[in-house]
Each structure stands twice: as structure tokens, then as C-alpha cells.
N, C-alpha and C. Protein backbone atom coordinates (compact mmCIF):
# COMPACT_ATOMS: atom_id res chain seq x y z
N MET A 1 1.57 -5.73 -7.86
CA MET A 1 0.96 -4.47 -7.49
C MET A 1 2.08 -3.42 -7.83
N TYR A 2 1.72 -2.34 -8.48
CA TYR A 2 2.74 -1.32 -8.98
C TYR A 2 2.37 0.01 -8.26
N ASN A 3 3.52 0.69 -7.95
CA ASN A 3 3.38 2.11 -7.37
C ASN A 3 3.13 3.00 -8.58
N ILE A 4 2.00 3.66 -8.51
CA ILE A 4 1.63 4.64 -9.65
C ILE A 4 1.56 6.07 -9.09
N SER A 5 2.03 6.31 -7.95
CA SER A 5 1.89 7.59 -7.14
C SER A 5 2.83 8.69 -7.73
N GLY A 6 3.88 8.39 -8.37
CA GLY A 6 4.80 9.40 -8.81
C GLY A 6 5.89 9.59 -7.78
N GLY A 7 5.83 8.99 -6.69
CA GLY A 7 6.89 8.98 -5.64
C GLY A 7 6.86 7.81 -4.81
N ALA A 8 7.66 7.67 -3.76
CA ALA A 8 7.73 6.51 -2.92
C ALA A 8 6.38 6.40 -2.11
N VAL A 9 5.92 5.23 -1.91
CA VAL A 9 4.83 4.98 -1.06
C VAL A 9 5.23 4.17 0.20
N ASN A 10 4.65 4.69 1.35
CA ASN A 10 5.02 3.88 2.59
C ASN A 10 4.20 2.61 2.59
N ILE A 11 4.85 1.62 3.15
CA ILE A 11 4.29 0.36 3.49
C ILE A 11 4.21 0.32 4.93
N ARG A 12 2.94 -0.02 5.48
CA ARG A 12 2.70 0.03 6.87
C ARG A 12 2.32 -1.39 7.36
N SER A 13 2.48 -1.58 8.65
CA SER A 13 2.19 -2.82 9.29
C SER A 13 0.68 -3.15 9.45
N GLY A 14 -0.17 -2.11 9.27
CA GLY A 14 -1.66 -2.21 9.21
C GLY A 14 -2.29 -1.19 8.37
N PRO A 15 -3.58 -1.16 8.11
CA PRO A 15 -4.28 -0.36 7.29
C PRO A 15 -4.58 1.13 7.84
N GLY A 16 -3.56 1.86 8.01
CA GLY A 16 -3.72 3.21 8.40
C GLY A 16 -2.36 3.84 8.82
N GLN A 17 -2.25 5.20 8.83
CA GLN A 17 -1.07 5.93 9.08
C GLN A 17 -0.59 5.75 10.52
N ARG A 18 -1.43 5.35 11.41
CA ARG A 18 -1.03 5.06 12.91
C ARG A 18 -0.21 3.86 12.94
N TYR A 19 -0.22 2.99 12.06
CA TYR A 19 0.64 1.78 12.03
C TYR A 19 2.08 2.13 11.59
N THR A 20 2.99 1.27 12.15
CA THR A 20 4.36 1.40 11.94
C THR A 20 4.73 1.30 10.44
N GLN A 21 5.60 2.10 9.92
CA GLN A 21 6.15 2.02 8.56
C GLN A 21 7.12 0.91 8.51
N ILE A 22 6.97 -0.06 7.66
CA ILE A 22 7.88 -1.14 7.59
C ILE A 22 8.72 -1.21 6.36
N GLY A 23 8.46 -0.18 5.51
CA GLY A 23 9.31 -0.09 4.24
C GLY A 23 8.71 0.91 3.25
N THR A 24 9.16 0.96 2.11
CA THR A 24 8.62 1.86 1.09
C THR A 24 8.52 1.15 -0.25
N LEU A 25 7.68 1.47 -1.11
CA LEU A 25 7.56 1.00 -2.44
C LEU A 25 8.01 2.20 -3.34
N ALA A 26 9.22 2.03 -3.99
CA ALA A 26 9.68 3.11 -4.80
C ALA A 26 8.75 3.39 -6.03
N LYS A 27 8.93 4.62 -6.53
CA LYS A 27 8.20 5.04 -7.72
C LYS A 27 8.40 3.92 -8.86
N GLY A 28 7.26 3.47 -9.40
CA GLY A 28 7.35 2.50 -10.53
C GLY A 28 7.69 1.07 -10.12
N ALA A 29 8.01 0.90 -8.83
CA ALA A 29 8.34 -0.47 -8.41
C ALA A 29 7.13 -1.40 -8.22
N LYS A 30 7.39 -2.66 -8.16
CA LYS A 30 6.24 -3.62 -8.03
C LYS A 30 6.56 -4.65 -7.05
N LEU A 31 5.55 -5.14 -6.29
CA LEU A 31 5.64 -6.30 -5.34
C LEU A 31 4.41 -7.10 -5.47
N PRO A 32 4.42 -8.36 -5.07
CA PRO A 32 3.18 -9.14 -5.10
C PRO A 32 2.12 -8.70 -4.20
N CYS A 33 0.93 -9.02 -4.45
CA CYS A 33 -0.19 -8.67 -3.59
C CYS A 33 -0.04 -9.53 -2.30
N GLY A 34 -0.50 -9.04 -1.17
CA GLY A 34 -0.57 -9.69 0.13
C GLY A 34 -1.70 -10.74 0.08
N THR A 35 -1.85 -11.36 1.24
CA THR A 35 -2.95 -12.38 1.39
C THR A 35 -4.35 -11.85 1.26
N ASP A 36 -4.50 -10.58 1.60
CA ASP A 36 -5.81 -9.98 1.44
C ASP A 36 -6.00 -9.40 0.06
N GLY A 37 -4.99 -9.24 -0.69
CA GLY A 37 -5.08 -8.72 -2.09
C GLY A 37 -5.73 -7.42 -2.24
N ASP A 38 -6.73 -7.36 -3.10
CA ASP A 38 -7.48 -6.09 -3.43
C ASP A 38 -8.72 -5.96 -2.53
N SER A 39 -8.57 -6.14 -1.23
CA SER A 39 -9.75 -6.20 -0.40
C SER A 39 -10.34 -4.80 -0.20
N GLY A 40 -9.53 -3.70 -0.42
CA GLY A 40 -10.05 -2.34 -0.18
C GLY A 40 -10.43 -2.13 1.28
N THR A 41 -9.73 -2.66 2.23
CA THR A 41 -9.94 -2.49 3.60
C THR A 41 -9.98 -1.04 4.01
N LYS A 42 -10.95 -0.63 4.81
CA LYS A 42 -11.04 0.76 5.18
C LYS A 42 -10.15 0.88 6.49
N GLY A 43 -9.42 1.98 6.54
CA GLY A 43 -8.56 2.25 7.63
C GLY A 43 -8.46 3.74 7.91
N GLN A 44 -7.48 4.19 8.60
CA GLN A 44 -7.28 5.61 8.91
C GLN A 44 -6.97 6.29 7.54
N ARG A 45 -7.50 7.57 7.44
CA ARG A 45 -7.29 8.35 6.27
C ARG A 45 -5.83 8.63 6.12
N TYR A 46 -5.45 8.78 4.83
CA TYR A 46 -4.02 9.20 4.53
C TYR A 46 -4.06 10.39 3.65
N THR A 47 -2.92 11.12 3.53
CA THR A 47 -2.71 12.33 2.90
C THR A 47 -2.26 12.28 1.50
N SER A 48 -1.56 11.21 1.13
CA SER A 48 -1.05 11.08 -0.25
C SER A 48 -2.15 10.57 -1.23
N CYS A 49 -1.86 10.72 -2.49
CA CYS A 49 -2.72 10.17 -3.61
C CYS A 49 -4.27 10.40 -3.51
N GLY A 50 -4.66 11.53 -2.98
CA GLY A 50 -6.04 11.90 -2.88
C GLY A 50 -6.66 11.83 -1.58
N GLY A 51 -6.07 11.22 -0.58
CA GLY A 51 -6.55 11.32 0.75
C GLY A 51 -7.61 10.36 1.13
N GLY A 52 -7.69 9.17 0.59
CA GLY A 52 -8.73 8.26 0.81
C GLY A 52 -8.55 7.51 2.07
N ASP A 53 -9.32 6.39 2.24
CA ASP A 53 -9.12 5.60 3.48
C ASP A 53 -9.13 4.04 3.07
N SER A 54 -8.84 3.69 1.88
CA SER A 54 -8.89 2.31 1.49
C SER A 54 -7.39 1.86 1.42
N TRP A 55 -7.23 0.64 1.93
CA TRP A 55 -5.82 0.15 1.95
C TRP A 55 -5.83 -1.40 1.36
N SER A 56 -4.74 -1.63 0.67
CA SER A 56 -4.57 -3.00 0.13
C SER A 56 -3.23 -3.60 0.62
N THR A 57 -3.24 -4.93 0.76
CA THR A 57 -2.05 -5.69 1.15
C THR A 57 -1.07 -5.89 0.05
N ILE A 58 0.12 -5.88 0.54
CA ILE A 58 1.35 -6.11 -0.42
C ILE A 58 2.31 -7.06 0.29
N ARG A 59 2.84 -7.96 -0.38
CA ARG A 59 3.84 -8.95 0.21
C ARG A 59 5.21 -8.42 0.11
N VAL A 60 5.81 -8.19 1.29
CA VAL A 60 7.17 -7.70 1.36
C VAL A 60 8.03 -8.48 2.46
N ASN A 61 9.14 -8.95 2.07
CA ASN A 61 9.97 -9.68 2.97
C ASN A 61 9.34 -10.81 3.76
N GLY A 62 8.45 -11.46 3.02
CA GLY A 62 7.75 -12.68 3.57
C GLY A 62 6.60 -12.40 4.49
N ARG A 63 6.20 -11.10 4.46
CA ARG A 63 5.01 -10.70 5.38
C ARG A 63 4.14 -9.76 4.60
N ASP A 64 2.97 -9.63 5.12
CA ASP A 64 1.95 -8.61 4.52
C ASP A 64 2.28 -7.20 5.08
N GLY A 65 2.26 -6.22 4.13
CA GLY A 65 2.18 -4.89 4.55
C GLY A 65 1.04 -4.28 3.94
N TRP A 66 0.75 -2.93 4.24
CA TRP A 66 -0.41 -2.28 3.75
C TRP A 66 0.05 -0.98 3.01
N VAL A 67 -0.59 -0.68 1.89
CA VAL A 67 -0.33 0.40 1.10
C VAL A 67 -1.68 1.22 0.79
N ALA A 68 -1.66 2.48 0.58
CA ALA A 68 -2.85 3.25 0.27
C ALA A 68 -3.29 2.76 -1.14
N SER A 69 -4.54 2.30 -1.28
CA SER A 69 -5.04 1.73 -2.54
C SER A 69 -4.94 2.69 -3.65
N GLU A 70 -5.14 3.94 -3.50
CA GLU A 70 -5.16 4.88 -4.57
C GLU A 70 -3.71 5.12 -5.13
N CYS A 71 -2.84 4.65 -4.40
CA CYS A 71 -1.40 4.87 -4.89
C CYS A 71 -0.81 3.69 -5.65
N VAL A 72 -1.52 2.67 -5.84
CA VAL A 72 -1.07 1.45 -6.54
C VAL A 72 -2.09 1.02 -7.57
N ALA A 73 -1.63 0.16 -8.49
CA ALA A 73 -2.48 -0.47 -9.49
C ALA A 73 -2.08 -1.86 -9.59
N PHE A 74 -2.92 -2.77 -9.96
CA PHE A 74 -2.80 -4.13 -10.06
C PHE A 74 -2.55 -4.59 -11.51
N GLY A 75 -1.59 -5.44 -11.75
CA GLY A 75 -1.30 -5.83 -13.07
C GLY A 75 -0.03 -6.81 -13.16
N VAL A 76 0.23 -7.18 -14.24
CA VAL A 76 1.38 -8.07 -14.54
C VAL A 76 2.68 -7.20 -14.83
């Protein structure tokens, strides 16, 4: 999963801004998908990257985190 937002993207402990920030994904950085992959889980709305409410999991430090789906792209 790649950060395509143009800036750092917050990685959260769940699918919404109300969840704790557990890290960031730097501009252009990549990390593997989490166990839910591209599930498009609906959560609390966010303000970056268009303000949607879909979240995808990302694997960071051996655990799943959540990022706003519109801020990332999937690829090799």
C-alpha cells in the first residue's frame, strides 16, 4: 500500500479519527496491507484526501493499523 496523498497520512488503531494515532505513513512510503486488506470498512469521516469515510488496514510494527482509503493506492 502506497501513500499517494502528497503528505504524511496518519495510521490509526481503528477505522476513524476517534481512534488513537499509532504512526504515520510518509509521503510516497509503502507498507504491506493489513489482515483486512482492501475491505473499504466504513468508519468516522476524515478531513484529508477528500473527506470520505472508507478505511483500509495496513500492517505496521507487527500489527494492523487503519488509513483513509482515498489517501493510499495498492500496488507492487
